[in-house]
Protein backbone atom coordinates (compact mmCIF):
# COMPACT_ATOMS: atom_id res chain seq x y z
CA UNK A 1 -3.27 54.45 0.10
CA UNK A 2 -4.57 52.81 -2.91
CA UNK A 3 -2.62 52.11 -6.08
CA UNK A 4 -3.16 53.89 -9.28
CA UNK A 5 -4.33 51.95 -12.28
CA UNK A 6 -0.69 52.46 -13.87
CA UNK A 7 0.96 51.06 -10.68
CA UNK A 8 -1.36 48.08 -10.59
CA UNK A 9 -0.62 47.53 -14.36
CA UNK A 10 3.08 47.66 -13.66
CA UNK A 11 2.81 45.23 -10.61
CA UNK A 12 0.62 42.73 -12.87
CA UNK A 13 3.35 42.93 -15.60
CA UNK A 14 6.11 42.42 -13.19
CA UNK A 15 4.36 39.26 -11.66
CA UNK A 16 3.61 37.88 -15.12
CA UNK A 17 7.26 38.20 -16.10
CA UNK A 18 8.33 36.57 -12.81
CA UNK A 19 5.82 33.83 -13.45
CA UNK A 20 7.20 33.31 -16.99
CA UNK A 21 10.59 32.95 -15.69
CA UNK A 22 9.51 30.40 -13.16
CA UNK A 23 7.99 28.43 -15.94
CA UNK A 24 11.08 28.32 -17.96
CA UNK A 25 12.96 27.08 -14.76
CA UNK A 26 10.58 24.38 -14.14
CA UNK A 27 10.40 23.49 -17.79
CA UNK A 28 14.37 23.25 -17.58
CA UNK A 29 14.21 21.10 -14.52
CA UNK A 30 11.40 18.88 -16.13
CA UNK A 31 13.53 18.39 -19.30
CA UNK A 32 16.75 17.41 -17.06
CA UNK A 33 14.52 14.96 -15.14
CA UNK A 34 13.10 13.37 -18.18
CA UNK A 35 16.77 12.96 -19.56
CA UNK A 36 17.97 11.48 -16.48
CA UNK A 37 15.20 9.11 -16.42
CA UNK A 38 15.78 8.00 -19.96
CA UNK A 39 19.35 7.39 -19.15
CA UNK A 40 18.46 5.44 -16.01
CA UNK A 41 16.04 3.26 -17.96
CA UNK A 42 18.72 2.54 -20.48
CA UNK A 43 21.15 1.61 -18.04
CA UNK A 44 18.68 -0.70 -16.35
CA UNK A 45 17.89 -2.43 -19.57
CA UNK A 46 21.74 -2.81 -20.43
CA UNK A 47 21.96 -4.71 -17.18
CA UNK A 48 18.99 -6.93 -18.28
CA UNK A 49 16.51 -5.31 -15.91
CA UNK A 50 13.31 -3.86 -17.34
CA UNK A 51 12.55 -0.45 -15.55
CA UNK A 52 8.79 -1.45 -14.98
CA UNK A 53 10.09 -4.55 -13.20
CA UNK A 54 12.45 -2.76 -10.87
CA UNK A 55 10.34 -3.25 -7.75
CA UNK A 56 10.26 -7.21 -8.23
CA UNK A 57 13.95 -7.22 -9.17
CA UNK A 58 14.92 -5.31 -6.05
CA UNK A 59 12.63 -7.80 -3.94
CA UNK A 60 14.49 -10.78 -5.45
CA UNK A 61 17.95 -9.31 -4.79
CA UNK A 62 16.74 -8.43 -1.26
CA UNK A 63 15.40 -11.95 -0.67
CA UNK A 64 18.63 -13.53 -1.99
CA UNK A 65 20.77 -11.26 0.15
CA UNK A 66 18.93 -12.11 3.32
CA UNK A 67 19.32 -15.85 2.39
CA UNK A 68 23.16 -15.52 1.59
CA UNK A 69 23.48 -13.72 5.07
CA UNK A 70 21.48 -16.55 6.83
CA UNK A 71 23.74 -19.12 5.24
CA UNK A 72 26.93 -17.31 6.13
CA UNK A 73 25.68 -17.10 9.81
CA UNK A 74 25.00 -20.76 9.86
CA UNK A 75 28.26 -21.67 8.37
CA UNK A 76 30.15 -19.40 10.78
CA UNK A 77 28.38 -20.89 13.59
CA UNK A 78 29.28 -24.42 12.56
CA UNK A 79 32.82 -23.35 11.99
CA UNK A 80 32.84 -21.91 15.62
CA UNK A 81 31.28 -25.07 16.92
CA UNK A 82 33.89 -27.10 15.17
CA UNK A 83 36.72 -25.26 16.52
CA UNK A 84 35.29 -24.92 19.90
CA UNK A 85 36.87 -28.36 21.20
CA UNK A 86 40.29 -27.07 20.19
CA UNK A 87 39.86 -23.74 21.86
CA UNK A 88 38.86 -25.47 25.15
CA UNK A 89 42.03 -27.34 25.30
CA UNK A 90 44.00 -24.07 25.68
């Protein structure tokens, strides 16, 4: 059965109101995201890191971390080798 013009109008108005509410929610989330972004950028800067250089900084930290782990592994292996003669005596 076809809808009357009044029913169509009511459905369209209801949908418009729903869409307006959706827009308000989305705008609220956008504003919250912008605020969070600003706070994070300020926190980065307070630590001496420019937000637009974050990828490069992360890469430097990752490279340094890997280097330190490699050094630690080498030192542990050297300590193990140095202790090996003493452990063999037991």
